[in-house]
Amino acid sequence: MLALQALGHELAALSEKQFQKIIFPEDNLLDALKIYRSIPTKKREARRRQLQFIGKLMRSVEPEPLQTQVDAVKRTDDADKRKHNEAHQWRERLLADPKQATDFMNQFHIDAQLLNQTIRAAKKAKELDKDKGEARILYRLLYKTIEH
């Protein structure tokens, strides 16, 4: 019973983006989780009672599919965060030393001319303190390349 309540708490603690990806077997459970998420954190007793109710509703639900979905959502988000970090690090490296573009091209498949033009534009904008999104364009190019 405590494991079901813990799964309910884990579902309630997901971010909004993660929560939207979960397919719930019962509307009652979905409604109860939405109510729990809407209760302010200062209302501890109300949250505790709602969490107990969620635990009660979880008894009538098969927990394995829900746990599998939660794990998959968390893995996907972790992988996405790693890609964002990697793209950010590459952008900083390439702006600091554009010659490292060869390393990036060796590791990932990308059009050399497009990459070099984007790096030059971002570097020039940064040096002139007139960045109008060039660094963001470079980041998006790197992220999209890393993603594939």
N, C-alpha and C. Protein backbone atom coordinates (compact mmCIF):
# COMPACT_ATOMS: atom_id res chain seq x y z
N MET A 1 0.82 -1.19 0.00
CA MET A 1 0.00 0.00 0.00
C MET A 1 0.87 1.26 0.00
N LEU A 2 1.95 1.23 0.77
CA LEU A 2 2.86 2.38 0.81
C LEU A 2 3.57 2.56 -0.53
N ALA A 3 3.86 1.46 -1.21
CA ALA A 3 4.50 1.54 -2.52
C ALA A 3 3.58 2.22 -3.53
N LEU A 4 2.29 1.92 -3.46
CA LEU A 4 1.32 2.55 -4.35
C LEU A 4 1.21 4.04 -4.05
N GLN A 5 1.23 4.38 -2.76
CA GLN A 5 1.17 5.78 -2.38
C GLN A 5 2.44 6.49 -2.84
N ALA A 6 3.58 5.81 -2.76
CA ALA A 6 4.84 6.40 -3.22
C ALA A 6 4.81 6.64 -4.72
N LEU A 7 4.23 5.70 -5.47
CA LEU A 7 4.09 5.90 -6.92
C LEU A 7 3.17 7.08 -7.20
N GLY A 8 2.09 7.20 -6.43
CA GLY A 8 1.19 8.34 -6.57
C GLY A 8 1.92 9.64 -6.29
N HIS A 9 2.77 9.64 -5.27
CA HIS A 9 3.55 10.85 -4.95
C HIS A 9 4.53 11.16 -6.07
N GLU A 10 5.13 10.13 -6.63
CA GLU A 10 6.07 10.31 -7.74
C GLU A 10 5.35 10.89 -8.96
N LEU A 11 4.14 10.42 -9.22
CA LEU A 11 3.34 10.97 -10.32
C LEU A 11 3.01 12.43 -10.07
N ALA A 12 2.66 12.75 -8.83
CA ALA A 12 2.28 14.12 -8.49
C ALA A 12 3.49 15.06 -8.56
N ALA A 13 4.68 14.53 -8.34
CA ALA A 13 5.88 15.37 -8.31
C ALA A 13 6.48 15.62 -9.70
N LEU A 14 5.93 14.99 -10.73
CA LEU A 14 6.46 15.20 -12.08
C LEU A 14 6.24 16.65 -12.52
N SER A 15 7.10 17.12 -13.39
CA SER A 15 6.90 18.46 -13.94
C SER A 15 5.67 18.45 -14.83
N GLU A 16 5.16 19.61 -15.16
CA GLU A 16 3.95 19.69 -15.99
C GLU A 16 4.16 19.03 -17.34
N LYS A 17 5.33 19.25 -17.92
CA LYS A 17 5.66 18.66 -19.23
C LYS A 17 5.67 17.12 -19.13
N GLN A 18 6.28 16.61 -18.07
CA GLN A 18 6.33 15.16 -17.87
C GLN A 18 4.93 14.61 -17.58
N PHE A 19 4.17 15.32 -16.77
CA PHE A 19 2.83 14.89 -16.37
C PHE A 19 1.92 14.73 -17.58
N GLN A 20 2.06 15.63 -18.55
CA GLN A 20 1.22 15.58 -19.75
C GLN A 20 1.48 14.33 -20.59
N LYS A 21 2.66 13.76 -20.47
CA LYS A 21 3.03 12.59 -21.28
C LYS A 21 2.48 11.27 -20.73
N ILE A 22 2.03 11.27 -19.48
CA ILE A 22 1.56 10.05 -18.84
C ILE A 22 0.11 9.76 -19.27
N ILE A 23 -0.15 8.51 -19.60
CA ILE A 23 -1.51 8.07 -19.94
C ILE A 23 -2.06 7.34 -18.71
N PHE A 24 -3.13 7.89 -18.16
CA PHE A 24 -3.71 7.35 -16.93
C PHE A 24 -4.84 6.37 -17.27
N PRO A 25 -4.89 5.24 -16.56
CA PRO A 25 -5.93 4.25 -16.83
C PRO A 25 -7.31 4.69 -16.34
N GLU A 26 -7.34 5.58 -15.35
CA GLU A 26 -8.62 6.03 -14.79
C GLU A 26 -8.65 7.54 -14.69
N ASP A 27 -9.81 8.11 -15.02
CA ASP A 27 -9.96 9.57 -14.92
C ASP A 27 -9.97 10.01 -13.46
N ASN A 28 -10.47 9.15 -12.57
CA ASN A 28 -10.51 9.50 -11.14
C ASN A 28 -9.10 9.79 -10.62
N LEU A 29 -8.16 8.95 -11.00
CA LEU A 29 -6.77 9.12 -10.57
C LEU A 29 -6.19 10.40 -11.15
N LEU A 30 -6.45 10.63 -12.41
CA LEU A 30 -5.96 11.85 -13.06
C LEU A 30 -6.52 13.09 -12.36
N ASP A 31 -7.81 13.09 -12.08
CA ASP A 31 -8.44 14.23 -11.39
C ASP A 31 -7.85 14.43 -10.00
N ALA A 32 -7.64 13.33 -9.27
CA ALA A 32 -7.08 13.43 -7.92
C ALA A 32 -5.66 13.99 -7.96
N LEU A 33 -4.88 13.57 -8.94
CA LEU A 33 -3.52 14.10 -9.07
C LEU A 33 -3.53 15.58 -9.44
N LYS A 34 -4.44 15.98 -10.30
CA LYS A 34 -4.54 17.40 -10.67
C LYS A 34 -4.93 18.24 -9.45
N ILE A 35 -5.83 17.72 -8.63
CA ILE A 35 -6.24 18.44 -7.42
C ILE A 35 -5.03 18.56 -6.48
N TYR A 36 -4.31 17.46 -6.30
CA TYR A 36 -3.12 17.48 -5.43
C TYR A 36 -2.13 18.53 -5.92
N ARG A 37 -1.89 18.57 -7.22
CA ARG A 37 -0.92 19.51 -7.78
C ARG A 37 -1.39 20.97 -7.64
N SER A 38 -2.70 21.17 -7.54
CA SER A 38 -3.22 22.53 -7.42
C SER A 38 -3.23 23.04 -5.98
N ILE A 39 -3.09 22.15 -5.01
CA ILE A 39 -3.09 22.55 -3.59
C ILE A 39 -1.76 23.22 -3.27
N PRO A 40 -1.78 24.43 -2.71
CA PRO A 40 -0.53 25.12 -2.38
C PRO A 40 0.32 24.30 -1.40
N THR A 41 1.62 24.42 -1.51
CA THR A 41 2.52 23.63 -0.66
C THR A 41 2.39 23.99 0.81
N LYS A 42 1.88 25.17 1.10
CA LYS A 42 1.70 25.58 2.50
C LYS A 42 0.61 24.76 3.19
N LYS A 43 -0.32 24.23 2.42
CA LYS A 43 -1.44 23.45 2.96
C LYS A 43 -1.02 21.99 3.09
N ARG A 44 -0.13 21.73 4.03
CA ARG A 44 0.45 20.39 4.16
C ARG A 44 -0.57 19.31 4.50
N GLU A 45 -1.48 19.63 5.39
CA GLU A 45 -2.47 18.62 5.79
C GLU A 45 -3.38 18.27 4.62
N ALA A 46 -3.79 19.26 3.86
CA ALA A 46 -4.65 19.02 2.70
C ALA A 46 -3.91 18.17 1.67
N ARG A 47 -2.64 18.47 1.46
CA ARG A 47 -1.83 17.70 0.51
C ARG A 47 -1.67 16.25 1.01
N ARG A 48 -1.46 16.09 2.32
CA ARG A 48 -1.29 14.75 2.88
C ARG A 48 -2.55 13.92 2.70
N ARG A 49 -3.71 14.53 2.97
CA ARG A 49 -4.98 13.81 2.82
C ARG A 49 -5.24 13.45 1.35
N GLN A 50 -4.93 14.39 0.46
CA GLN A 50 -5.13 14.14 -0.96
C GLN A 50 -4.19 13.03 -1.44
N LEU A 51 -2.98 13.01 -0.91
CA LEU A 51 -2.02 11.97 -1.27
C LEU A 51 -2.51 10.60 -0.77
N GLN A 52 -3.11 10.57 0.39
CA GLN A 52 -3.68 9.32 0.89
C GLN A 52 -4.82 8.85 -0.01
N PHE A 53 -5.61 9.80 -0.47
CA PHE A 53 -6.71 9.47 -1.38
C PHE A 53 -6.15 8.92 -2.70
N ILE A 54 -5.07 9.52 -3.16
CA ILE A 54 -4.42 9.03 -4.39
C ILE A 54 -3.93 7.60 -4.16
N GLY A 55 -3.36 7.34 -2.99
CA GLY A 55 -2.92 5.99 -2.65
C GLY A 55 -4.08 5.00 -2.68
N LYS A 56 -5.24 5.45 -2.18
CA LYS A 56 -6.43 4.59 -2.19
C LYS A 56 -6.86 4.30 -3.62
N LEU A 57 -6.85 5.32 -4.48
CA LEU A 57 -7.23 5.13 -5.88
C LEU A 57 -6.22 4.22 -6.61
N MET A 58 -4.97 4.29 -6.18
CA MET A 58 -3.92 3.49 -6.83
C MET A 58 -4.14 1.99 -6.60
N ARG A 59 -4.86 1.63 -5.55
CA ARG A 59 -5.12 0.20 -5.27
C ARG A 59 -5.92 -0.46 -6.39
N SER A 60 -6.75 0.33 -7.07
CA SER A 60 -7.58 -0.24 -8.13
C SER A 60 -6.91 -0.16 -9.51
N VAL A 61 -5.68 0.31 -9.53
CA VAL A 61 -4.95 0.49 -10.79
C VAL A 61 -3.77 -0.46 -10.83
N GLU A 62 -3.47 -0.95 -12.01
CA GLU A 62 -2.28 -1.79 -12.20
C GLU A 62 -1.06 -0.86 -12.18
N PRO A 63 -0.15 -0.98 -11.18
CA PRO A 63 0.93 0.00 -11.03
C PRO A 63 2.09 -0.14 -12.03
N GLU A 64 2.31 -1.34 -12.56
CA GLU A 64 3.48 -1.55 -13.43
C GLU A 64 3.47 -0.66 -14.67
N PRO A 65 2.34 -0.57 -15.41
CA PRO A 65 2.36 0.31 -16.59
C PRO A 65 2.63 1.77 -16.24
N LEU A 66 2.06 2.22 -15.13
CA LEU A 66 2.30 3.61 -14.70
C LEU A 66 3.77 3.82 -14.34
N GLN A 67 4.34 2.88 -13.58
CA GLN A 67 5.75 2.99 -13.19
C GLN A 67 6.64 2.98 -14.42
N THR A 68 6.31 2.15 -15.40
CA THR A 68 7.08 2.09 -16.64
C THR A 68 7.04 3.43 -17.37
N GLN A 69 5.85 4.04 -17.42
CA GLN A 69 5.72 5.35 -18.07
C GLN A 69 6.53 6.42 -17.34
N VAL A 70 6.46 6.42 -16.02
CA VAL A 70 7.21 7.41 -15.22
C VAL A 70 8.70 7.25 -15.48
N ASP A 71 9.19 6.01 -15.45
CA ASP A 71 10.61 5.77 -15.69
C ASP A 71 11.02 6.22 -17.09
N ALA A 72 10.18 5.94 -18.08
CA ALA A 72 10.49 6.32 -19.47
C ALA A 72 10.54 7.84 -19.62
N VAL A 73 9.60 8.53 -18.99
CA VAL A 73 9.57 9.99 -19.06
C VAL A 73 10.82 10.58 -18.42
N LYS A 74 11.22 10.04 -17.29
CA LYS A 74 12.41 10.54 -16.60
C LYS A 74 13.68 10.27 -17.41
N ARG A 75 13.77 9.08 -18.02
CA ARG A 75 14.94 8.76 -18.85
C ARG A 75 15.02 9.70 -20.05
N THR A 76 13.88 9.96 -20.68
CA THR A 76 13.84 10.85 -21.83
C THR A 76 14.28 12.25 -21.45
N ASP A 77 13.80 12.74 -20.33
CA ASP A 77 14.18 14.08 -19.87
C ASP A 77 15.67 14.15 -19.53
N ASP A 78 16.21 13.10 -18.93
CA ASP A 78 17.64 13.07 -18.61
C ASP A 78 18.47 13.10 -19.88
N ALA A 79 18.06 12.35 -20.88
CA ALA A 79 18.79 12.33 -22.16
C ALA A 79 18.72 13.70 -22.83
N ASP A 80 17.55 14.34 -22.74
CA ASP A 80 17.38 15.67 -23.33
C ASP A 80 18.27 16.69 -22.63
N LYS A 81 18.36 16.60 -21.31
CA LYS A 81 19.23 17.51 -20.56
C LYS A 81 20.70 17.33 -20.94
N ARG A 82 21.09 16.06 -21.13
CA ARG A 82 22.48 15.80 -21.54
C ARG A 82 22.77 16.40 -22.91
N LYS A 83 21.80 16.30 -23.84
CA LYS A 83 21.99 16.87 -25.17
C LYS A 83 22.10 18.39 -25.09
N HIS A 84 21.25 19.01 -24.26
CA HIS A 84 21.32 20.46 -24.09
C HIS A 84 22.68 20.87 -23.54
N ASN A 85 23.15 20.13 -22.52
CA ASN A 85 24.45 20.43 -21.93
C ASN A 85 25.57 20.29 -22.95
N GLU A 86 25.52 19.21 -23.72
CA GLU A 86 26.56 18.96 -24.71
C GLU A 86 26.56 20.06 -25.78
N ALA A 87 25.38 20.47 -26.24
CA ALA A 87 25.30 21.54 -27.25
C ALA A 87 25.83 22.85 -26.67
N HIS A 88 25.51 23.13 -25.42
CA HIS A 88 25.99 24.35 -24.78
C HIS A 88 27.51 24.34 -24.66
N GLN A 89 28.07 23.21 -24.24
CA GLN A 89 29.53 23.10 -24.10
C GLN A 89 30.22 23.24 -25.45
N TRP A 90 29.66 22.60 -26.48
CA TRP A 90 30.25 22.74 -27.81
C TRP A 90 30.19 24.18 -28.29
N ARG A 91 29.09 24.87 -28.03
CA ARG A 91 28.97 26.27 -28.46
C ARG A 91 30.06 27.11 -27.80
N GLU A 92 30.26 26.94 -26.49
CA GLU A 92 31.29 27.70 -25.79
C GLU A 92 32.68 27.37 -26.34
N ARG A 93 32.93 26.09 -26.59
CA ARG A 93 34.24 25.68 -27.13
C ARG A 93 34.46 26.27 -28.51
N LEU A 94 33.45 26.23 -29.36
CA LEU A 94 33.60 26.71 -30.73
C LEU A 94 33.73 28.23 -30.78
N LEU A 95 33.05 28.93 -29.89
CA LEU A 95 33.20 30.39 -29.86
C LEU A 95 34.57 30.79 -29.32
N ALA A 96 35.10 30.01 -28.40
CA ALA A 96 36.43 30.29 -27.84
C ALA A 96 37.52 29.93 -28.84
N ASP A 97 37.35 28.83 -29.56
CA ASP A 97 38.36 28.37 -30.52
C ASP A 97 37.66 27.75 -31.72
N PRO A 98 37.38 28.55 -32.77
CA PRO A 98 36.66 28.03 -33.94
C PRO A 98 37.36 26.86 -34.65
N LYS A 99 38.65 26.67 -34.38
CA LYS A 99 39.38 25.57 -35.02
C LYS A 99 38.90 24.21 -34.52
N GLN A 100 38.18 24.20 -33.40
CA GLN A 100 37.66 22.95 -32.87
C GLN A 100 36.44 22.45 -33.67
N ALA A 101 36.05 23.22 -34.68
CA ALA A 101 34.94 22.81 -35.53
C ALA A 101 35.25 21.47 -36.20
N THR A 102 36.53 21.23 -36.49
CA THR A 102 36.92 19.96 -37.12
C THR A 102 36.60 18.80 -36.18
N ASP A 103 36.87 18.99 -34.88
CA ASP A 103 36.56 17.94 -33.91
C ASP A 103 35.06 17.65 -33.90
N PHE A 104 34.26 18.73 -33.94
CA PHE A 104 32.81 18.56 -33.94
C PHE A 104 32.36 17.84 -35.21
N MET A 105 32.92 18.24 -36.34
CA MET A 105 32.54 17.60 -37.62
C MET A 105 32.97 16.14 -37.66
N ASN A 106 34.09 15.80 -37.02
CA ASN A 106 34.53 14.41 -36.97
C ASN A 106 33.60 13.56 -36.11
N GLN A 107 33.07 14.17 -35.06
CA GLN A 107 32.21 13.45 -34.14
C GLN A 107 30.77 13.36 -34.65
N PHE A 108 30.30 14.41 -35.29
CA PHE A 108 28.92 14.48 -35.78
C PHE A 108 28.94 14.83 -37.27
N HIS A 109 27.92 14.43 -37.97
CA HIS A 109 27.84 14.71 -39.40
C HIS A 109 27.10 16.02 -39.61
N ILE A 110 27.82 17.01 -40.17
CA ILE A 110 27.25 18.33 -40.39
C ILE A 110 27.96 18.97 -41.58
N ASP A 111 27.26 19.84 -42.27
CA ASP A 111 27.83 20.58 -43.38
C ASP A 111 28.88 21.56 -42.84
N ALA A 112 30.11 21.41 -43.30
CA ALA A 112 31.23 22.21 -42.78
C ALA A 112 31.02 23.70 -43.05
N GLN A 113 30.55 24.03 -44.23
CA GLN A 113 30.36 25.43 -44.58
C GLN A 113 29.31 26.09 -43.69
N LEU A 114 28.20 25.41 -43.48
CA LEU A 114 27.14 25.95 -42.63
C LEU A 114 27.64 26.15 -41.20
N LEU A 115 28.35 25.17 -40.68
CA LEU A 115 28.87 25.27 -39.32
C LEU A 115 29.84 26.43 -39.20
N ASN A 116 30.78 26.53 -40.12
CA ASN A 116 31.78 27.60 -40.05
C ASN A 116 31.16 28.99 -40.19
N GLN A 117 30.18 29.12 -41.08
CA GLN A 117 29.50 30.41 -41.25
C GLN A 117 28.76 30.80 -39.97
N THR A 118 28.11 29.85 -39.37
CA THR A 118 27.35 30.12 -38.14
C THR A 118 28.29 30.48 -37.00
N ILE A 119 29.42 29.78 -36.89
CA ILE A 119 30.40 30.09 -35.85
C ILE A 119 30.95 31.50 -36.05
N ARG A 120 31.33 31.83 -37.30
CA ARG A 120 31.88 33.17 -37.58
C ARG A 120 30.87 34.26 -37.23
N ALA A 121 29.62 34.08 -37.62
CA ALA A 121 28.59 35.08 -37.34
C ALA A 121 28.39 35.26 -35.83
N ALA A 122 28.34 34.16 -35.10
CA ALA A 122 28.14 34.23 -33.64
C ALA A 122 29.35 34.87 -32.96
N LYS A 123 30.55 34.50 -33.41
CA LYS A 123 31.78 35.05 -32.82
C LYS A 123 31.89 36.55 -33.07
N LYS A 124 31.58 36.95 -34.30
CA LYS A 124 31.66 38.37 -34.65
C LYS A 124 30.63 39.17 -33.84
N ALA A 125 29.42 38.66 -33.74
CA ALA A 125 28.38 39.35 -32.98
C ALA A 125 28.77 39.47 -31.51
N LYS A 126 29.40 38.43 -30.98
CA LYS A 126 29.82 38.45 -29.59
C LYS A 126 30.93 39.48 -29.38
N GLU A 127 31.88 39.53 -30.30
CA GLU A 127 32.99 40.48 -30.18
C GLU A 127 32.51 41.92 -30.28
N LEU A 128 31.50 42.17 -31.11
CA LEU A 128 30.98 43.53 -31.27
C LEU A 128 29.90 43.87 -30.25
N ASP A 129 29.58 42.91 -29.38
CA ASP A 129 28.52 43.08 -28.39
C ASP A 129 27.17 43.41 -29.04
N LYS A 130 26.93 42.82 -30.20
CA LYS A 130 25.67 43.05 -30.91
C LYS A 130 25.04 41.71 -31.29
N ASP A 131 24.92 40.83 -30.31
CA ASP A 131 24.35 39.52 -30.56
C ASP A 131 22.84 39.64 -30.73
N LYS A 132 22.38 39.36 -31.93
CA LYS A 132 20.94 39.42 -32.23
C LYS A 132 20.39 38.01 -32.43
N GLY A 133 20.95 37.07 -31.68
CA GLY A 133 20.46 35.71 -31.77
C GLY A 133 21.40 34.77 -32.48
N GLU A 134 22.56 35.25 -32.89
CA GLU A 134 23.51 34.40 -33.61
C GLU A 134 23.99 33.24 -32.74
N ALA A 135 24.26 33.53 -31.47
CA ALA A 135 24.71 32.47 -30.56
C ALA A 135 23.61 31.43 -30.37
N ARG A 136 22.37 31.89 -30.32
CA ARG A 136 21.24 30.97 -30.19
C ARG A 136 21.08 30.11 -31.44
N ILE A 137 21.30 30.73 -32.61
CA ILE A 137 21.23 29.98 -33.87
C ILE A 137 22.31 28.91 -33.90
N LEU A 138 23.52 29.26 -33.44
CA LEU A 138 24.60 28.27 -33.37
C LEU A 138 24.23 27.14 -32.42
N TYR A 139 23.68 27.49 -31.27
CA TYR A 139 23.27 26.48 -30.29
C TYR A 139 22.24 25.54 -30.90
N ARG A 140 21.24 26.08 -31.56
CA ARG A 140 20.18 25.25 -32.15
C ARG A 140 20.74 24.33 -33.22
N LEU A 141 21.67 24.84 -34.01
CA LEU A 141 22.31 24.01 -35.03
C LEU A 141 23.08 22.86 -34.39
N LEU A 142 23.82 23.16 -33.33
CA LEU A 142 24.58 22.12 -32.64
C LEU A 142 23.65 21.10 -32.00
N TYR A 143 22.60 21.58 -31.34
CA TYR A 143 21.65 20.68 -30.67
C TYR A 143 20.99 19.76 -31.68
N LYS A 144 20.55 20.33 -32.80
CA LYS A 144 19.89 19.54 -33.84
C LYS A 144 20.84 18.49 -34.42
N THR A 145 22.11 18.86 -34.56
CA THR A 145 23.11 17.92 -35.09
C THR A 145 23.39 16.80 -34.09
N ILE A 146 23.50 17.16 -32.82
CA ILE A 146 23.75 16.16 -31.77
C ILE A 146 22.58 15.21 -31.66
N GLU A 147 21.38 15.72 -31.86
CA GLU A 147 20.15 14.93 -31.71
C GLU A 147 20.09 13.79 -32.70
N HIS A 148 20.61 13.99 -33.88
CA HIS A 148 20.50 12.95 -34.91
C HIS A 148 21.62 12.01 -34.84
